[in-house]
């Protein structure tokens, strides 16, 4: 009887111990959190045709860094400047084919490939880079042209009004006749209508071409004279901002690379890109100011055209606009509507300036 009681007590004690240990184990399991799986790190490549010292390359790097910051380091974008990954004319195809995930270059470097968006580069009197950049991005968003369907557009930017920088003075339209001028895309047509001889080449090739006399002038925004050091190999700048054209530049991403991004990361790209429209526009205007100061420091002459000359230059390029409208109409593209929208946007941008100057 005593043995049975002892055995019973031992059994109860053992059961209590098992229950106690089980309770502790359960409590311990309840208080131990399961770590969240690490988020996948995304690495992308970005081909930029500007040299690393150029303000537009620096602005592109800042865009990439901002995306890294806002994704808490999940996205790492490696920028390849100066066409080291893909040369300027091949950059767009490089994005399509996956040579780079992202690319920045000029639409004008592949003439004829972007028939509707060529209208953005027309000599419409863009007052500055900020206006050109804002309008270019807005128009691309509004018209959603088929010619951009093979990439994901981040944004578009464009420089301030193009001018003629030359080795000899160009004070009249007659003095431009026969002069070999570096020009690309629609700017080549502008030079043709002005009486010059356009020679197509990208910005990286232009310094040496001017230096060796392959061309005698270049049609460019004044920032180029510092950003690409071309002010060193010219002697004069003719202010032709009355027919100020721009060269629009794309920032686009490979479709497959875009599709692989998680939705929250895509949202970051879209938000940062929307902000960088103003950033690039201001960068262009800052670069124009610095470019002007640079050529003045070098002692280069900046030539202002008198009103009679300005009228001749404006009338001379009107056929470029007419030709664009006719060709887009043949292709069933709304070139006339795009042109009207751009003109209205330029007029709207200039209105506050005109109003402000009138009250002084």
Protein backbone atom coordinates (compact mmCIF):
# COMPACT_ATOMS: atom_id res chain seq x y z
CA UNK A 1 0.00 0.00 0.00
CA UNK A 2 2.84 2.36 0.87
CA UNK A 3 4.63 1.41 -2.39
CA UNK A 4 1.56 2.18 -4.45
CA UNK A 5 1.20 5.55 -2.78
CA UNK A 6 4.84 6.36 -3.42
CA UNK A 7 4.53 5.32 -7.07
CA UNK A 8 1.42 7.39 -7.45
CA UNK A 9 3.14 10.43 -6.00
CA UNK A 10 6.12 9.95 -8.31
CA UNK A 11 3.82 9.66 -11.34
CA UNK A 12 1.99 12.85 -10.41
CA UNK A 13 5.24 14.72 -9.89
CA UNK A 14 6.57 13.54 -13.25
CA UNK A 15 3.38 14.57 -14.98
CA UNK A 16 3.52 17.99 -13.34
CA UNK A 17 7.13 18.42 -14.49
CA UNK A 18 6.24 17.50 -18.09
CA UNK A 19 3.32 19.92 -18.04
CA UNK A 20 5.53 22.65 -16.61
CA UNK A 21 8.20 22.14 -19.25
CA UNK A 22 5.57 22.09 -21.98
CA UNK A 23 4.13 25.34 -20.67
CA UNK A 24 7.56 27.00 -20.62
CA UNK A 25 8.26 25.74 -24.13
CA UNK A 26 4.96 27.15 -25.38
CA UNK A 27 5.56 30.47 -23.65
CA UNK A 28 9.04 30.66 -25.13
CA UNK A 29 7.71 29.89 -28.61
CA UNK A 30 5.07 32.57 -28.27
CA UNK A 31 7.58 35.30 -27.39
CA UNK A 32 10.09 34.48 -30.14
CA UNK A 33 9.29 36.47 -33.34
CA UNK A 34 10.05 34.95 -36.72
CA UNK A 35 12.46 37.22 -38.66
CA UNK A 36 11.10 38.71 -41.89
CA UNK A 37 12.75 37.41 -45.05
CA UNK A 38 15.40 39.85 -46.34
CA UNK A 39 14.25 42.06 -49.23
CA UNK A 40 15.96 41.33 -52.50
CA UNK A 41 18.65 43.81 -53.54
CA UNK A 42 18.09 45.26 -57.01
CA UNK A 43 21.09 46.25 -59.11
CA UNK A 44 20.66 48.27 -62.31
CA UNK A 45 22.96 49.85 -64.89
CA UNK A 46 22.52 53.37 -66.27
CA UNK A 47 24.22 54.49 -69.50
CA UNK A 48 24.72 58.28 -69.73
CA UNK A 49 26.43 59.95 -72.68
CA UNK A 50 27.48 63.06 -70.73
CA UNK A 51 31.00 63.10 -69.22
CA UNK A 52 31.16 62.75 -65.42
CA UNK A 53 32.11 66.41 -64.98
CA UNK A 54 28.97 67.64 -66.79
CA UNK A 55 26.16 68.95 -64.61
CA UNK A 56 23.64 66.69 -66.37
CA UNK A 57 25.66 63.60 -65.53
CA UNK A 58 25.90 64.80 -61.94
CA UNK A 59 22.12 65.33 -61.88
CA UNK A 60 21.63 61.79 -63.22
CA UNK A 61 23.86 60.42 -60.45
CA UNK A 62 21.83 62.36 -57.87
CA UNK A 63 18.64 60.81 -59.30
CA UNK A 64 20.12 57.34 -58.85
CA UNK A 65 21.26 58.15 -55.31
CA UNK A 66 17.84 59.52 -54.39
CA UNK A 67 16.19 56.29 -55.52
CA UNK A 68 18.67 54.31 -53.43
CA UNK A 69 17.90 56.46 -50.40
CA UNK A 70 14.13 56.23 -50.74
CA UNK A 71 14.25 52.46 -51.18
CA UNK A 72 16.43 52.10 -48.06
CA UNK A 73 19.31 50.81 -50.14
CA UNK A 74 17.32 48.12 -51.94
CA UNK A 75 18.05 49.66 -55.34
CA UNK A 76 21.65 50.21 -56.45
CA UNK A 77 22.06 51.99 -59.80
CA UNK A 78 25.54 52.07 -61.32
CA UNK A 79 26.00 55.03 -63.68
CA UNK A 80 28.30 54.59 -66.69
CA UNK A 81 29.11 58.12 -67.95
CA UNK A 82 30.69 59.37 -71.17
CA UNK A 83 29.21 56.59 -73.31
CA UNK A 84 31.40 53.93 -71.70
CA UNK A 85 28.59 51.36 -71.76
CA UNK A 86 26.79 52.44 -74.95
CA UNK A 87 27.72 55.31 -77.25
CA UNK A 88 25.26 58.20 -77.55
CA UNK A 89 23.61 57.08 -80.85
CA UNK A 90 23.29 53.46 -79.63
CA UNK A 91 22.01 54.25 -76.14
CA UNK A 92 18.29 53.86 -76.89
CA UNK A 93 18.76 50.49 -78.60
CA UNK A 94 21.09 49.52 -75.76
CA UNK A 95 18.20 49.95 -73.33
CA UNK A 96 15.80 47.98 -75.52
CA UNK A 97 18.30 45.13 -75.90
CA UNK A 98 19.26 45.06 -72.23
CA UNK A 99 22.84 46.27 -72.60
CA UNK A 100 21.85 48.80 -69.95
CA UNK A 101 18.76 48.86 -67.77
CA UNK A 102 18.43 52.64 -68.04
CA UNK A 103 19.75 55.09 -70.62
CA UNK A 104 20.07 58.82 -71.26
CA UNK A 105 20.80 60.27 -74.68
CA UNK A 106 19.25 62.47 -77.39
CA UNK A 107 16.28 61.59 -79.58
CA UNK A 108 18.03 63.54 -82.36
CA UNK A 109 20.90 61.07 -82.55
CA UNK A 110 18.62 58.56 -84.29
CA UNK A 111 17.00 60.86 -86.83
CA UNK A 112 13.67 59.68 -88.20
CA UNK A 113 13.05 57.16 -85.42
CA UNK A 114 10.91 59.52 -83.33
CA UNK A 115 8.79 61.32 -85.95
CA UNK A 116 6.26 62.88 -83.58
CA UNK A 117 8.69 63.86 -80.83
CA UNK A 118 10.92 65.60 -83.38
CA UNK A 119 8.44 68.43 -82.89
CA UNK A 120 9.88 69.06 -79.44
CA UNK A 121 13.18 70.15 -80.99
CA UNK A 122 11.71 72.70 -83.39
CA UNK A 123 13.01 76.33 -83.39
CA UNK A 124 10.08 77.72 -81.42
CA UNK A 125 11.90 80.18 -79.17
CA UNK A 126 12.27 78.17 -75.97
CA UNK A 127 13.32 80.75 -73.36
CA UNK A 128 15.27 78.40 -71.09
CA UNK A 129 15.99 74.82 -70.13
CA UNK A 130 13.43 74.67 -67.35
CA UNK A 131 10.64 75.52 -69.79
CA UNK A 132 11.93 73.13 -72.46
CA UNK A 133 12.24 70.26 -69.97
CA UNK A 134 8.80 70.76 -68.45
CA UNK A 135 7.09 71.02 -71.84
CA UNK A 136 8.93 68.01 -73.30
CA UNK A 137 7.92 65.71 -70.44
CA UNK A 138 4.34 66.97 -70.42
CA UNK A 139 3.95 66.44 -74.17
CA UNK A 140 5.33 62.91 -74.04
CA UNK A 141 2.93 62.07 -71.20
CA UNK A 142 -0.02 63.61 -73.00
CA UNK A 143 0.51 62.07 -76.45
CA UNK A 144 1.97 58.68 -75.38
CA UNK A 145 3.52 58.18 -78.85
CA UNK A 146 3.87 54.70 -80.25
CA UNK A 147 7.54 55.43 -80.95
CA UNK A 148 8.24 55.16 -77.20
CA UNK A 149 6.26 51.96 -76.63
CA UNK A 150 9.36 49.75 -76.46
CA UNK A 151 10.69 51.39 -73.28
CA UNK A 152 9.43 52.72 -69.96
CA UNK A 153 9.85 56.51 -69.90
CA UNK A 154 11.16 58.04 -66.69
CA UNK A 155 11.19 61.63 -67.95
CA UNK A 156 12.50 63.86 -70.75
CA UNK A 157 14.67 66.96 -70.46
CA UNK A 158 15.96 69.59 -72.85
CA UNK A 159 18.52 72.38 -72.90
CA UNK A 160 18.05 76.12 -73.21
CA UNK A 161 17.91 77.95 -76.55
CA UNK A 162 20.45 76.84 -79.14
CA UNK A 163 22.94 79.38 -80.46
CA UNK A 164 25.67 79.45 -83.08
CA UNK A 165 29.23 79.23 -81.77
CA UNK A 166 31.79 79.76 -84.52
CA UNK A 167 35.42 80.27 -85.37
CA UNK A 168 34.61 83.38 -87.44
CA UNK A 169 31.97 86.04 -86.70
CA UNK A 170 28.37 85.49 -87.87
CA UNK A 171 26.71 88.90 -87.69
CA UNK A 172 24.22 88.46 -90.53
CA UNK A 173 22.30 85.61 -92.11
CA UNK A 174 24.37 86.10 -95.26
CA UNK A 175 27.59 85.37 -93.34
CA UNK A 176 26.27 81.92 -92.41
CA UNK A 177 25.90 80.85 -96.04
CA UNK A 178 28.01 77.78 -96.79
CA UNK A 179 29.51 77.58 -93.29
CA UNK A 180 29.97 73.99 -92.08
CA UNK A 181 28.00 73.72 -88.84
CA UNK A 182 27.78 70.78 -86.47
CA UNK A 183 24.06 69.99 -86.13
CA UNK A 184 21.95 66.91 -85.43
CA UNK A 185 18.38 65.89 -86.06
CA UNK A 186 16.07 68.81 -86.70
CA UNK A 187 18.83 71.29 -85.91
CA UNK A 188 20.44 70.10 -89.16
CA UNK A 189 17.31 71.24 -91.01
CA UNK A 190 17.50 74.58 -89.20
CA UNK A 191 21.03 75.12 -90.46
CA UNK A 192 19.98 74.15 -94.00
CA UNK A 193 17.18 76.73 -94.01
CA UNK A 194 19.53 79.37 -92.62
CA UNK A 195 21.93 78.74 -95.51
CA UNK A 196 24.65 76.83 -93.68
CA UNK A 197 25.97 73.33 -94.34
CA UNK A 198 25.02 70.92 -91.54
CA UNK A 199 27.45 68.18 -90.47
CA UNK A 200 25.97 65.51 -88.21
CA UNK A 201 27.88 64.34 -85.15
CA UNK A 202 27.37 63.82 -81.41
CA UNK A 203 28.66 66.23 -78.78
CA UNK A 204 31.63 64.02 -77.79
CA UNK A 205 32.96 64.33 -81.36
CA UNK A 206 32.48 68.08 -81.72
CA UNK A 207 35.50 69.49 -79.85
CA UNK A 208 37.99 67.73 -82.10
CA UNK A 209 35.95 68.53 -85.22
CA UNK A 210 36.07 72.25 -84.39
CA UNK A 211 39.72 72.07 -83.41
CA UNK A 212 40.72 70.41 -86.71
CA UNK A 213 38.43 72.50 -88.91
CA UNK A 214 36.15 69.64 -89.89
CA UNK A 215 33.37 72.07 -88.95
CA UNK A 216 33.58 75.84 -88.60
CA UNK A 217 30.73 76.27 -86.14
CA UNK A 218 28.29 74.41 -83.93
CA UNK A 219 24.61 74.97 -83.20
CA UNK A 220 24.28 74.38 -79.48
CA UNK A 221 23.11 75.72 -76.13
CA UNK A 222 25.71 78.02 -74.63
CA UNK A 223 26.25 75.57 -71.74
CA UNK A 224 27.96 73.22 -74.21
CA UNK A 225 30.84 75.65 -74.54
CA UNK A 226 31.81 74.91 -70.96
CA UNK A 227 30.27 71.48 -70.35
CA UNK A 228 32.07 70.01 -73.37
CA UNK A 229 34.92 72.58 -73.32
CA UNK A 230 34.03 73.69 -76.85
CA UNK A 231 34.47 77.35 -75.88
CA UNK A 232 38.19 76.68 -76.12
CA UNK A 233 37.99 76.05 -79.87
CA UNK A 234 35.56 78.79 -81.00
CA UNK A 235 35.88 82.59 -80.99
CA UNK A 236 32.33 83.92 -81.38
CA UNK A 237 28.81 83.21 -80.16
CA UNK A 238 25.81 84.53 -82.12
CA UNK A 239 22.70 84.90 -79.95
CA UNK A 240 19.96 83.20 -81.97
CA UNK A 241 17.61 82.57 -79.06
CA UNK A 242 14.75 84.17 -81.04
CA UNK A 243 14.63 80.84 -82.92
CA UNK A 244 15.66 78.95 -79.82
CA UNK A 245 15.40 75.25 -80.46
CA UNK A 246 16.13 72.57 -77.87
CA UNK A 247 17.53 69.06 -78.08
CA UNK A 248 15.36 66.75 -76.02
CA UNK A 249 16.94 63.90 -74.12
CA UNK A 250 15.28 60.75 -72.90
CA UNK A 251 15.69 58.90 -69.62
CA UNK A 252 14.18 55.49 -70.29
CA UNK A 253 14.23 52.00 -68.79
CA UNK A 254 14.21 48.54 -70.31
CA UNK A 255 10.67 47.13 -70.25
CA UNK A 256 11.66 43.82 -68.66
CA UNK A 257 13.78 45.55 -66.01
CA UNK A 258 10.84 47.79 -65.15
CA UNK A 259 8.41 44.88 -64.96
CA UNK A 260 10.65 43.06 -62.46
CA UNK A 261 10.55 45.94 -59.98
CA UNK A 262 8.14 45.54 -57.04
CA UNK A 263 5.20 47.93 -57.13
CA UNK A 264 6.50 50.01 -54.22
CA UNK A 265 9.86 50.45 -55.96
CA UNK A 266 8.18 51.44 -59.22
CA UNK A 267 6.31 54.09 -57.27
CA UNK A 268 9.60 55.48 -55.94
CA UNK A 269 11.00 55.66 -59.49
CA UNK A 270 7.92 57.56 -60.65
CA UNK A 271 7.97 59.99 -57.74
CA UNK A 272 11.67 60.77 -58.00
CA UNK A 273 11.50 61.10 -61.79
CA UNK A 274 8.63 63.61 -61.51
CA UNK A 275 10.75 65.70 -59.14
CA UNK A 276 13.83 65.47 -61.36
CA UNK A 277 12.08 67.21 -64.27
CA UNK A 278 12.55 70.49 -62.41
CA UNK A 279 16.00 69.42 -61.22
CA UNK A 280 17.25 68.85 -64.77
CA UNK A 281 15.60 72.04 -66.02
CA UNK A 282 17.35 74.10 -63.37
CA UNK A 283 20.60 72.27 -64.06
CA UNK A 284 20.36 73.31 -67.72
CA UNK A 285 19.76 76.94 -66.78
CA UNK A 286 22.61 76.93 -64.30
CA UNK A 287 24.83 75.40 -66.96
CA UNK A 288 23.82 78.11 -69.45
CA UNK A 289 24.79 80.80 -66.94
CA UNK A 290 28.11 79.11 -66.33
CA UNK A 291 28.66 78.57 -70.06
CA UNK A 292 28.16 82.26 -70.78
CA UNK A 293 30.53 83.23 -67.98
CA UNK A 294 33.08 80.72 -69.31
CA UNK A 295 33.19 82.15 -72.85
CA UNK A 296 33.27 85.69 -71.52
CA UNK A 297 36.23 84.74 -69.33
CA UNK A 298 37.96 83.35 -72.43
CA UNK A 299 37.39 86.67 -74.16
CA UNK A 300 34.98 85.31 -76.77
CA UNK A 301 32.61 87.82 -78.36
CA UNK A 302 28.86 87.35 -77.95
CA UNK A 303 27.07 88.86 -80.95
CA UNK A 304 23.55 90.28 -80.56
CA UNK A 305 21.52 90.41 -83.78
CA UNK A 306 19.60 93.61 -84.60
CA UNK A 307 15.78 93.43 -84.98
CA UNK A 308 15.88 93.34 -88.78
CA UNK A 309 18.22 90.36 -88.71
CA UNK A 310 16.12 88.57 -86.09
CA UNK A 311 13.09 88.80 -88.37
CA UNK A 312 15.05 87.28 -91.27
CA UNK A 313 16.24 84.39 -89.14
CA UNK A 314 12.71 83.71 -87.87
CA UNK A 315 11.23 83.75 -91.39
CA UNK A 316 14.00 81.48 -92.66
CA UNK A 317 13.17 78.63 -90.27
CA UNK A 318 9.37 78.71 -90.73
CA UNK A 319 9.61 76.06 -93.50
CA UNK A 320 11.10 73.68 -90.92
CA UNK A 321 7.89 73.91 -88.91
CA UNK A 322 5.72 73.58 -92.02
CA UNK A 323 7.68 70.54 -93.18
CA UNK A 324 7.28 68.85 -89.80
CA UNK A 325 3.50 69.31 -89.84
CA UNK A 326 3.23 67.99 -93.39
CA UNK A 327 5.33 64.89 -92.74
CA UNK A 328 3.58 63.94 -89.52
CA UNK A 329 0.22 64.36 -91.24
CA UNK A 330 1.33 61.92 -93.95
CA UNK A 331 2.11 59.39 -91.24
CA UNK A 332 -1.18 59.92 -89.46
CA UNK A 333 0.50 61.60 -86.49
CA UNK A 334 -0.90 64.66 -84.67
CA UNK A 335 2.11 66.90 -85.36
CA UNK A 336 -0.05 70.01 -85.84
CA UNK A 337 -1.74 69.48 -82.47
CA UNK A 338 1.58 68.85 -80.72
CA UNK A 339 3.08 71.98 -82.27
CA UNK A 340 0.09 74.08 -81.18
CA UNK A 341 0.37 72.71 -77.64
CA UNK A 342 4.10 73.50 -77.46
CA UNK A 343 3.59 77.06 -78.71
CA UNK A 344 0.81 77.63 -76.19
CA UNK A 345 2.98 76.26 -73.36
CA UNK A 346 5.91 78.49 -74.35
CA UNK A 347 3.61 81.53 -74.47
CA UNK A 348 2.21 80.64 -71.05
CA UNK A 349 5.70 80.27 -69.59
CA UNK A 350 6.73 83.65 -71.02
CA UNK A 351 3.58 85.47 -69.87
CA UNK A 352 4.61 86.12 -66.22
CA UNK A 353 7.97 87.47 -67.43
CA UNK A 354 6.30 89.82 -69.88
CA UNK A 355 3.80 90.94 -67.25
CA UNK A 356 6.52 91.52 -64.70
CA UNK A 357 8.67 93.53 -67.09
CA UNK A 358 5.73 95.72 -67.99
CA UNK A 359 5.18 96.88 -64.42
CA UNK A 360 8.72 98.11 -63.91
